Amino acid sequence: MSDGFSPEQLLQLEAIVEKGVRKGFADAGLRIDDGADTDEARRDFSFLRTIRRTLGGWATSLGWFIILSVLGTVVWLITQGLNLWKGQ
């Protein structure tokens, strides 16, 4: 019994894995047969990353705006309550 794979087995395994990965990408709609297709896929993923980062930044800003609005409203209500209490 051998502890490792023979060079021929490694080549066969590499070919099987490569074929499986290419088939998986093709099933997902990603063509990587040609260098131009690979570059196109990279640009697509870069575009998606840019959108994700932009939306993430907007979501963070919107979250802080909501938190600060709620806190500002609470402070305003407390101030109005204290002014009303002082006036009586």
C-alpha atoms as a PDB file:
ATOM      1  CA  MET A   1       0.000   0.000   0.000  1.00  0.00           C
ATOM      2  CA  SER A   2       1.401   3.360  -1.065  1.00  0.00           C
ATOM      3  CA  ASP A   3       1.293   6.525   1.020  1.00  0.00           C
ATOM      4  CA  GLY A   4       0.809   8.883  -1.928  1.00  0.00           C
ATOM      5  CA  PHE A   5      -0.400   9.142  -5.467  1.00  0.00           C
ATOM      6  CA  SER A   6       1.708   8.295  -8.448  1.00  0.00           C
ATOM      7  CA  PRO A   7       2.485  11.094 -10.940  1.00  0.00           C
ATOM      8  CA  GLU A   8       0.016   9.573 -13.408  1.00  0.00           C
ATOM      9  CA  GLN A   9      -2.715   9.479 -10.785  1.00  0.00           C
ATOM     10  CA  LEU A  10      -2.025  13.110  -9.854  1.00  0.00           C
ATOM     11  CA  LEU A  11      -2.364  14.151 -13.505  1.00  0.00           C
ATOM     12  CA  GLN A  12      -5.627  12.234 -13.812  1.00  0.00           C
ATOM     13  CA  LEU A  13      -6.945  13.744 -10.584  1.00  0.00           C
ATOM     14  CA  GLU A  14      -5.969  17.242 -11.717  1.00  0.00           C
ATOM     15  CA  ALA A  15      -7.759  16.730 -15.041  1.00  0.00           C
ATOM     16  CA  ILE A  16     -10.904  15.467 -13.309  1.00  0.00           C
ATOM     17  CA  VAL A  17     -10.962  18.381 -10.862  1.00  0.00           C
ATOM     18  CA  GLU A  18     -10.352  20.935 -13.628  1.00  0.00           C
ATOM     19  CA  LYS A  19     -13.134  19.440 -15.730  1.00  0.00           C
ATOM     20  CA  GLY A  20     -15.501  19.510 -12.741  1.00  0.00           C
ATOM     21  CA  VAL A  21     -14.675  23.112 -11.911  1.00  0.00           C
ATOM     22  CA  ARG A  22     -15.140  24.198 -15.531  1.00  0.00           C
ATOM     23  CA  LYS A  23     -18.480  22.356 -15.679  1.00  0.00           C
ATOM     24  CA  GLY A  24     -19.581  23.957 -12.403  1.00  0.00           C
ATOM     25  CA  PHE A  25     -18.650  27.422 -13.657  1.00  0.00           C
ATOM     26  CA  ALA A  26     -20.410  26.762 -16.968  1.00  0.00           C
ATOM     27  CA  ASP A  27     -23.551  25.641 -15.115  1.00  0.00           C
ATOM     28  CA  ALA A  28     -23.433  28.894 -13.143  1.00  0.00           C
ATOM     29  CA  GLY A  29     -23.130  30.880 -16.375  1.00  0.00           C
ATOM     30  CA  LEU A  30     -19.410  31.648 -16.109  1.00  0.00           C
ATOM     31  CA  ARG A  31     -17.397  30.825 -19.175  1.00  0.00           C
ATOM     32  CA  ILE A  32     -13.676  30.490 -18.531  1.00  0.00           C
ATOM     33  CA  ASP A  33     -12.633  28.704 -21.716  1.00  0.00           C
ATOM     34  CA  ASP A  34     -11.109  31.813 -23.245  1.00  0.00           C
ATOM     35  CA  GLY A  35      -8.893  34.460 -21.672  1.00  0.00           C
ATOM     36  CA  ALA A  36     -11.316  37.169 -22.788  1.00  0.00           C
ATOM     37  CA  ASP A  37     -14.147  35.363 -21.004  1.00  0.00           C
ATOM     38  CA  THR A  38     -12.055  35.182 -17.847  1.00  0.00           C
ATOM     39  CA  ASP A  39     -11.272  38.904 -18.012  1.00  0.00           C
ATOM     40  CA  GLU A  40     -14.960  39.660 -18.586  1.00  0.00           C
ATOM     41  CA  ALA A  41     -15.916  37.594 -15.532  1.00  0.00           C
ATOM     42  CA  ARG A  42     -13.317  39.442 -13.444  1.00  0.00           C
ATOM     43  CA  ARG A  43     -14.758  42.790 -14.521  1.00  0.00           C
ATOM     44  CA  ASP A  44     -18.264  41.555 -13.685  1.00  0.00           C
ATOM     45  CA  PHE A  45     -17.210  40.497 -10.206  1.00  0.00           C
ATOM     46  CA  SER A  46     -15.351  43.779  -9.720  1.00  0.00           C
ATOM     47  CA  PHE A  47     -18.528  45.654 -10.674  1.00  0.00           C
ATOM     48  CA  LEU A  48     -20.575  43.588  -8.220  1.00  0.00           C
ATOM     49  CA  ARG A  49     -18.014  44.231  -5.473  1.00  0.00           C
ATOM     50  CA  THR A  50     -18.230  47.976  -6.145  1.00  0.00           C
ATOM     51  CA  ILE A  51     -22.024  47.878  -5.889  1.00  0.00           C
ATOM     52  CA  ARG A  52     -21.854  45.848  -2.664  1.00  0.00           C
ATOM     53  CA  ARG A  53     -19.409  48.265  -1.052  1.00  0.00           C
ATOM     54  CA  THR A  54     -21.420  51.298  -2.163  1.00  0.00           C
ATOM     55  CA  LEU A  55     -24.693  49.886  -0.842  1.00  0.00           C
ATOM     56  CA  GLY A  56     -22.970  48.852   2.378  1.00  0.00           C
ATOM     57  CA  GLY A  57     -21.741  52.417   2.863  1.00  0.00           C
ATOM     58  CA  TRP A  58     -25.208  53.802   2.203  1.00  0.00           C
ATOM     59  CA  ALA A  59     -26.762  51.339   4.626  1.00  0.00           C
ATOM     60  CA  THR A  60     -24.275  52.351   7.317  1.00  0.00           C
ATOM     61  CA  SER A  61     -24.960  56.037   6.722  1.00  0.00           C
ATOM     62  CA  LEU A  62     -28.715  55.473   6.782  1.00  0.00           C
ATOM     63  CA  GLY A  63     -28.403  53.484  10.008  1.00  0.00           C
ATOM     64  CA  TRP A  64     -26.449  56.272  11.705  1.00  0.00           C
ATOM     65  CA  PHE A  65     -28.965  58.833  10.445  1.00  0.00           C
ATOM     66  CA  ILE A  66     -31.843  56.871  11.971  1.00  0.00           C
ATOM     67  CA  ILE A  67     -30.030  56.401  15.286  1.00  0.00           C
ATOM     68  CA  LEU A  68     -29.128  60.078  15.501  1.00  0.00           C
ATOM     69  CA  SER A  69     -32.678  61.088  14.560  1.00  0.00           C
ATOM     70  CA  VAL A  70     -34.133  58.939  17.333  1.00  0.00           C
ATOM     71  CA  LEU A  71     -31.617  60.264  19.864  1.00  0.00           C
ATOM     72  CA  GLY A  72     -32.244  63.848  18.737  1.00  0.00           C
ATOM     73  CA  THR A  73     -35.993  63.333  19.135  1.00  0.00           C
ATOM     74  CA  VAL A  74     -35.517  61.924  22.642  1.00  0.00           C
ATOM     75  CA  VAL A  75     -33.316  64.879  23.648  1.00  0.00           C
ATOM     76  CA  TRP A  76     -35.832  67.329  22.138  1.00  0.00           C
ATOM     77  CA  LEU A  77     -38.720  65.682  24.027  1.00  0.00           C
ATOM     78  CA  ILE A  78     -36.797  65.802  27.309  1.00  0.00           C
ATOM     79  CA  THR A  79     -35.908  69.469  26.709  1.00  0.00           C
ATOM     80  CA  GLN A  80     -39.518  70.350  25.894  1.00  0.00           C
ATOM     81  CA  GLY A  81     -40.700  68.488  28.979  1.00  0.00           C
ATOM     82  CA  LEU A  82     -38.225  70.322  31.211  1.00  0.00           C
ATOM     83  CA  ASN A  83     -39.201  73.683  29.704  1.00  0.00           C
ATOM     84  CA  LEU A  84     -42.881  72.914  30.256  1.00  0.00           C
ATOM     85  CA  TRP A  85     -42.169  71.813  33.846  1.00  0.00           C
ATOM     86  CA  LYS A  86     -40.161  74.998  34.563  1.00  0.00           C
ATOM     87  CA  GLY A  87     -42.960  77.165  33.129  1.00  0.00           C
ATOM     88  CA  GLN A  88     -45.602  75.841  35.537  1.00  0.00           C
END
